[in-house]
């Protein structure tokens, strides 16, 4: 008999929470780290657009160069960690 089919209301209430936690558990850091680097590069690229629209072109160039470096690193990090 399934735990959800029992008459205990506490077990029925805990079952969806337990299933939700099981779904999000176990993501290895080797998959997360390259995606975080990519996200940081994307944020720097968008920030460079904001700097450029405000007329701060030097900061925009620094942000673009930083984003390009991070973009190059994320693939290397993924291959090194075998997280592709």
C-alpha atoms as a PDB file:
ATOM      1  CA  UNK A   1       0.000   0.000   0.000  1.00  0.00           C
ATOM      2  CA  UNK A   2       1.285   3.473  -0.901  1.00  0.00           C
ATOM      3  CA  UNK A   3       2.192   5.934   1.888  1.00  0.00           C
ATOM      4  CA  UNK A   4      -0.133   8.518   0.342  1.00  0.00           C
ATOM      5  CA  UNK A   5      -3.095   6.140   0.556  1.00  0.00           C
ATOM      6  CA  UNK A   6      -2.834   5.711   4.330  1.00  0.00           C
ATOM      7  CA  UNK A   7      -5.218   7.486   6.627  1.00  0.00           C
ATOM      8  CA  UNK A   8      -2.499   9.502   8.372  1.00  0.00           C
ATOM      9  CA  UNK A   9      -2.940  13.141   7.248  1.00  0.00           C
ATOM     10  CA  UNK A  10       0.587  14.091   8.306  1.00  0.00           C
ATOM     11  CA  UNK A  11       2.128  11.521   5.968  1.00  0.00           C
ATOM     12  CA  UNK A  12      -0.065  12.756   3.130  1.00  0.00           C
ATOM     13  CA  UNK A  13       1.044  16.346   3.776  1.00  0.00           C
ATOM     14  CA  UNK A  14       4.743  15.401   3.917  1.00  0.00           C
ATOM     15  CA  UNK A  15       4.714  13.351   0.717  1.00  0.00           C
ATOM     16  CA  UNK A  16       4.616  16.280  -1.798  1.00  0.00           C
ATOM     17  CA  UNK A  17       7.352  18.098   0.143  1.00  0.00           C
ATOM     18  CA  UNK A  18       9.509  14.970   0.211  1.00  0.00           C
ATOM     19  CA  UNK A  19       9.003  14.469  -3.543  1.00  0.00           C
ATOM     20  CA  UNK A  20       9.890  18.117  -4.212  1.00  0.00           C
ATOM     21  CA  UNK A  21      13.096  17.843  -2.188  1.00  0.00           C
ATOM     22  CA  UNK A  22      14.047  14.609  -3.934  1.00  0.00           C
ATOM     23  CA  UNK A  23      13.636  16.296  -7.322  1.00  0.00           C
ATOM     24  CA  UNK A  24      16.106  19.115  -6.536  1.00  0.00           C
ATOM     25  CA  UNK A  25      18.692  17.086  -4.670  1.00  0.00           C
ATOM     26  CA  UNK A  26      21.851  15.774  -6.238  1.00  0.00           C
ATOM     27  CA  UNK A  27      22.918  18.422  -8.763  1.00  0.00           C
ATOM     28  CA  UNK A  28      26.704  18.128  -8.836  1.00  0.00           C
ATOM     29  CA  UNK A  29      28.787  21.283  -8.604  1.00  0.00           C
ATOM     30  CA  UNK A  30      30.567  20.299 -11.816  1.00  0.00           C
ATOM     31  CA  UNK A  31      27.350  21.116 -13.699  1.00  0.00           C
ATOM     32  CA  UNK A  32      26.545  24.265 -11.757  1.00  0.00           C
ATOM     33  CA  UNK A  33      29.938  26.024 -11.881  1.00  0.00           C
ATOM     34  CA  UNK A  34      30.193  26.453 -15.689  1.00  0.00           C
ATOM     35  CA  UNK A  35      26.619  27.745 -15.769  1.00  0.00           C
ATOM     36  CA  UNK A  36      27.402  30.274 -13.045  1.00  0.00           C
ATOM     37  CA  UNK A  37      30.384  31.539 -15.031  1.00  0.00           C
ATOM     38  CA  UNK A  38      28.176  31.864 -18.114  1.00  0.00           C
ATOM     39  CA  UNK A  39      25.567  33.745 -16.087  1.00  0.00           C
ATOM     40  CA  UNK A  40      28.226  36.122 -14.765  1.00  0.00           C
ATOM     41  CA  UNK A  41      29.455  36.757 -18.315  1.00  0.00           C
ATOM     42  CA  UNK A  42      25.893  37.492 -19.422  1.00  0.00           C
ATOM     43  CA  UNK A  43      25.423  39.928 -16.537  1.00  0.00           C
ATOM     44  CA  UNK A  44      28.666  41.707 -17.443  1.00  0.00           C
ATOM     45  CA  UNK A  45      27.536  41.987 -21.061  1.00  0.00           C
ATOM     46  CA  UNK A  46      24.237  43.527 -20.041  1.00  0.00           C
ATOM     47  CA  UNK A  47      26.014  45.833 -17.610  1.00  0.00           C
ATOM     48  CA  UNK A  48      28.267  47.014 -20.419  1.00  0.00           C
ATOM     49  CA  UNK A  49      25.167  48.028 -22.381  1.00  0.00           C
ATOM     50  CA  UNK A  50      23.974  50.049 -19.421  1.00  0.00           C
ATOM     51  CA  UNK A  51      27.382  51.725 -19.045  1.00  0.00           C
ATOM     52  CA  UNK A  52      27.422  52.568 -22.754  1.00  0.00           C
ATOM     53  CA  UNK A  53      23.977  54.142 -22.644  1.00  0.00           C
ATOM     54  CA  UNK A  54      25.097  56.272 -19.697  1.00  0.00           C
ATOM     55  CA  UNK A  55      28.151  57.465 -21.623  1.00  0.00           C
ATOM     56  CA  UNK A  56      30.697  55.580 -19.484  1.00  0.00           C
ATOM     57  CA  UNK A  57      32.459  53.961 -22.408  1.00  0.00           C
ATOM     58  CA  UNK A  58      35.628  53.003 -20.538  1.00  0.00           C
ATOM     59  CA  UNK A  59      33.651  50.931 -18.039  1.00  0.00           C
ATOM     60  CA  UNK A  60      31.607  49.444 -20.879  1.00  0.00           C
ATOM     61  CA  UNK A  61      34.785  48.281 -22.606  1.00  0.00           C
ATOM     62  CA  UNK A  62      36.142  46.771 -19.379  1.00  0.00           C
ATOM     63  CA  UNK A  63      32.850  44.925 -18.842  1.00  0.00           C
ATOM     64  CA  UNK A  64      32.859  43.608 -22.424  1.00  0.00           C
ATOM     65  CA  UNK A  65      36.447  42.374 -22.126  1.00  0.00           C
ATOM     66  CA  UNK A  66      35.658  40.725 -18.793  1.00  0.00           C
ATOM     67  CA  UNK A  67      32.587  39.060 -20.288  1.00  0.00           C
ATOM     68  CA  UNK A  68      34.664  37.760 -23.206  1.00  0.00           C
ATOM     69  CA  UNK A  69      37.265  36.304 -20.844  1.00  0.00           C
ATOM     70  CA  UNK A  70      34.583  34.610 -18.745  1.00  0.00           C
ATOM     71  CA  UNK A  71      32.918  33.316 -21.903  1.00  0.00           C
ATOM     72  CA  UNK A  72      36.168  31.678 -22.905  1.00  0.00           C
ATOM     73  CA  UNK A  73      36.691  30.243 -19.443  1.00  0.00           C
ATOM     74  CA  UNK A  74      33.285  28.643 -19.025  1.00  0.00           C
ATOM     75  CA  UNK A  75      33.868  26.084 -21.769  1.00  0.00           C
ATOM     76  CA  UNK A  76      37.289  25.236 -20.432  1.00  0.00           C
ATOM     77  CA  UNK A  77      35.924  24.870 -16.919  1.00  0.00           C
ATOM     78  CA  UNK A  78      33.141  22.595 -18.171  1.00  0.00           C
ATOM     79  CA  UNK A  79      35.593  20.396 -20.056  1.00  0.00           C
ATOM     80  CA  UNK A  80      38.009  20.274 -17.107  1.00  0.00           C
ATOM     81  CA  UNK A  81      35.244  19.250 -14.717  1.00  0.00           C
ATOM     82  CA  UNK A  82      33.615  16.960 -17.311  1.00  0.00           C
ATOM     83  CA  UNK A  83      30.412  18.902 -16.811  1.00  0.00           C
ATOM     84  CA  UNK A  84      29.401  19.305 -20.435  1.00  0.00           C
END
